[in-house]
């Protein structure tokens, strides 16, 4: 009887571990998908936060073909939005400043 009970407990413990592994793998895949376009320290910091459940970041933005935007493309899009309404030289100067990280 004790052997049967021990075997049953061991079996349940192992199946619980397998479920936890699958959940971790799923979280890793989700975080990896969300980190598309991030590189270096930015990616490491994001992955650490995501895997620990500290972030609920939206999926990476995509272009009209469904391809993920690179970090450079995202920055350009954000800078263009920040400089909306400016004309010619003012727009160019604002974009240049923004892309360098000054805005």
C-alpha atoms as a PDB file:
ATOM      1  CA  UNK A   1       0.000   0.000   0.000  1.00  0.00           C
ATOM      2  CA  UNK A   2       2.791   2.429   0.896  1.00  0.00           C
ATOM      3  CA  UNK A   3       4.593   1.509  -2.322  1.00  0.00           C
ATOM      4  CA  UNK A   4       1.482   2.183  -4.383  1.00  0.00           C
ATOM      5  CA  UNK A   5       0.940   5.527  -2.677  1.00  0.00           C
ATOM      6  CA  UNK A   6       4.608   6.512  -3.153  1.00  0.00           C
ATOM      7  CA  UNK A   7       4.468   5.557  -6.817  1.00  0.00           C
ATOM      8  CA  UNK A   8       1.291   7.564  -7.292  1.00  0.00           C
ATOM      9  CA  UNK A   9       2.800  10.659  -5.625  1.00  0.00           C
ATOM     10  CA  UNK A  10       5.972  10.331  -7.684  1.00  0.00           C
ATOM     11  CA  UNK A  11       3.938  10.034 -10.892  1.00  0.00           C
ATOM     12  CA  UNK A  12       1.889  13.127 -10.091  1.00  0.00           C
ATOM     13  CA  UNK A  13       5.017  15.091  -9.221  1.00  0.00           C
ATOM     14  CA  UNK A  14       6.686  14.185 -12.499  1.00  0.00           C
ATOM     15  CA  UNK A  15       3.613  15.037 -14.557  1.00  0.00           C
ATOM     16  CA  UNK A  16       3.403  18.406 -12.783  1.00  0.00           C
ATOM     17  CA  UNK A  17       7.034  19.074 -13.677  1.00  0.00           C
ATOM     18  CA  UNK A  18       6.330  18.264 -17.317  1.00  0.00           C
ATOM     19  CA  UNK A  19       3.441  20.743 -17.329  1.00  0.00           C
ATOM     20  CA  UNK A  20       5.663  23.416 -15.800  1.00  0.00           C
ATOM     21  CA  UNK A  21       8.303  22.771 -18.471  1.00  0.00           C
ATOM     22  CA  UNK A  22       5.716  23.157 -21.224  1.00  0.00           C
ATOM     23  CA  UNK A  23       4.454  26.403 -19.684  1.00  0.00           C
ATOM     24  CA  UNK A  24       8.022  27.760 -19.490  1.00  0.00           C
ATOM     25  CA  UNK A  25       8.676  26.756 -23.089  1.00  0.00           C
ATOM     26  CA  UNK A  26       5.482  28.457 -24.176  1.00  0.00           C
ATOM     27  CA  UNK A  27       6.385  31.638 -22.270  1.00  0.00           C
ATOM     28  CA  UNK A  28       9.878  31.582 -23.811  1.00  0.00           C
ATOM     29  CA  UNK A  29       8.400  31.279 -27.314  1.00  0.00           C
ATOM     30  CA  UNK A  30       5.945  34.137 -26.668  1.00  0.00           C
ATOM     31  CA  UNK A  31       8.626  36.424 -25.235  1.00  0.00           C
ATOM     32  CA  UNK A  32      10.998  35.578 -28.072  1.00  0.00           C
ATOM     33  CA  UNK A  33       8.309  36.493 -30.604  1.00  0.00           C
ATOM     34  CA  UNK A  34       7.655  39.809 -28.843  1.00  0.00           C
ATOM     35  CA  UNK A  35      11.389  40.589 -28.754  1.00  0.00           C
ATOM     36  CA  UNK A  36      11.632  40.566 -32.563  1.00  0.00           C
ATOM     37  CA  UNK A  37      13.639  43.586 -33.687  1.00  0.00           C
ATOM     38  CA  UNK A  38      15.342  44.142 -30.333  1.00  0.00           C
ATOM     39  CA  UNK A  39      19.095  43.603 -30.099  1.00  0.00           C
ATOM     40  CA  UNK A  40      21.870  43.475 -27.535  1.00  0.00           C
ATOM     41  CA  UNK A  41      21.234  44.786 -24.040  1.00  0.00           C
ATOM     42  CA  UNK A  42      17.745  45.998 -24.973  1.00  0.00           C
ATOM     43  CA  UNK A  43      16.753  42.443 -25.950  1.00  0.00           C
ATOM     44  CA  UNK A  44      18.354  40.922 -22.834  1.00  0.00           C
ATOM     45  CA  UNK A  45      16.522  43.342 -20.555  1.00  0.00           C
ATOM     46  CA  UNK A  46      13.224  42.747 -22.342  1.00  0.00           C
ATOM     47  CA  UNK A  47      13.586  38.946 -22.224  1.00  0.00           C
ATOM     48  CA  UNK A  48      14.455  39.034 -18.525  1.00  0.00           C
ATOM     49  CA  UNK A  49      11.405  41.145 -17.728  1.00  0.00           C
ATOM     50  CA  UNK A  50       9.122  39.151 -20.010  1.00  0.00           C
ATOM     51  CA  UNK A  51      10.172  35.741 -18.705  1.00  0.00           C
ATOM     52  CA  UNK A  52       9.720  36.881 -15.120  1.00  0.00           C
ATOM     53  CA  UNK A  53       6.219  38.117 -15.984  1.00  0.00           C
ATOM     54  CA  UNK A  54       7.025  41.788 -15.406  1.00  0.00           C
ATOM     55  CA  UNK A  55       5.891  42.890 -18.853  1.00  0.00           C
ATOM     56  CA  UNK A  56       2.820  42.497 -20.969  1.00  0.00           C
ATOM     57  CA  UNK A  57       4.354  44.122 -24.004  1.00  0.00           C
ATOM     58  CA  UNK A  58       2.409  44.196 -27.214  1.00  0.00           C
ATOM     59  CA  UNK A  59       3.697  42.148 -30.109  1.00  0.00           C
ATOM     60  CA  UNK A  60       6.303  43.812 -32.299  1.00  0.00           C
ATOM     61  CA  UNK A  61       4.857  46.145 -34.937  1.00  0.00           C
ATOM     62  CA  UNK A  62       4.676  44.743 -38.463  1.00  0.00           C
ATOM     63  CA  UNK A  63       4.730  46.278 -41.945  1.00  0.00           C
ATOM     64  CA  UNK A  64       1.913  45.980 -44.482  1.00  0.00           C
ATOM     65  CA  UNK A  65       3.185  42.521 -45.493  1.00  0.00           C
ATOM     66  CA  UNK A  66       3.131  41.210 -41.924  1.00  0.00           C
ATOM     67  CA  UNK A  67       6.928  41.263 -41.581  1.00  0.00           C
ATOM     68  CA  UNK A  68       8.191  42.558 -38.202  1.00  0.00           C
ATOM     69  CA  UNK A  69       9.715  46.031 -38.280  1.00  0.00           C
ATOM     70  CA  UNK A  70      13.352  46.408 -37.312  1.00  0.00           C
ATOM     71  CA  UNK A  71      14.325  48.609 -34.377  1.00  0.00           C
ATOM     72  CA  UNK A  72      15.534  51.250 -36.856  1.00  0.00           C
ATOM     73  CA  UNK A  73      12.190  51.219 -38.693  1.00  0.00           C
ATOM     74  CA  UNK A  74      10.272  51.549 -35.424  1.00  0.00           C
ATOM     75  CA  UNK A  75      12.447  54.483 -34.372  1.00  0.00           C
ATOM     76  CA  UNK A  76      11.936  56.158 -37.756  1.00  0.00           C
ATOM     77  CA  UNK A  77       8.183  55.720 -37.489  1.00  0.00           C
ATOM     78  CA  UNK A  78       8.173  57.224 -33.988  1.00  0.00           C
ATOM     79  CA  UNK A  79      10.363  60.151 -35.063  1.00  0.00           C
ATOM     80  CA  UNK A  80       8.150  60.823 -38.076  1.00  0.00           C
ATOM     81  CA  UNK A  81       5.115  60.956 -35.791  1.00  0.00           C
ATOM     82  CA  UNK A  82       6.932  63.309 -33.415  1.00  0.00           C
ATOM     83  CA  UNK A  83       7.806  65.662 -36.299  1.00  0.00           C
ATOM     84  CA  UNK A  84       4.409  65.597 -37.965  1.00  0.00           C
ATOM     85  CA  UNK A  85       3.338  69.007 -39.191  1.00  0.00           C
ATOM     86  CA  UNK A  86       6.872  70.351 -39.684  1.00  0.00           C
ATOM     87  CA  UNK A  87       7.896  71.407 -43.177  1.00  0.00           C
ATOM     88  CA  UNK A  88      11.056  70.857 -45.264  1.00  0.00           C
ATOM     89  CA  UNK A  89      14.202  71.884 -43.366  1.00  0.00           C
ATOM     90  CA  UNK A  90      12.473  71.895 -39.972  1.00  0.00           C
ATOM     91  CA  UNK A  91      11.270  68.326 -40.600  1.00  0.00           C
ATOM     92  CA  UNK A  92      14.729  67.163 -41.712  1.00  0.00           C
ATOM     93  CA  UNK A  93      16.401  68.795 -38.705  1.00  0.00           C
ATOM     94  CA  UNK A  94      13.809  67.344 -36.322  1.00  0.00           C
ATOM     95  CA  UNK A  95      14.184  63.859 -37.812  1.00  0.00           C
ATOM     96  CA  UNK A  96      17.958  64.065 -37.639  1.00  0.00           C
ATOM     97  CA  UNK A  97      17.862  65.156 -33.996  1.00  0.00           C
ATOM     98  CA  UNK A  98      15.320  62.473 -33.097  1.00  0.00           C
ATOM     99  CA  UNK A  99      17.179  59.658 -34.858  1.00  0.00           C
ATOM    100  CA  UNK A 100      20.367  60.604 -33.006  1.00  0.00           C
ATOM    101  CA  UNK A 101      18.462  60.273 -29.759  1.00  0.00           C
ATOM    102  CA  UNK A 102      18.140  63.960 -29.008  1.00  0.00           C
ATOM    103  CA  UNK A 103      14.343  64.051 -28.938  1.00  0.00           C
END
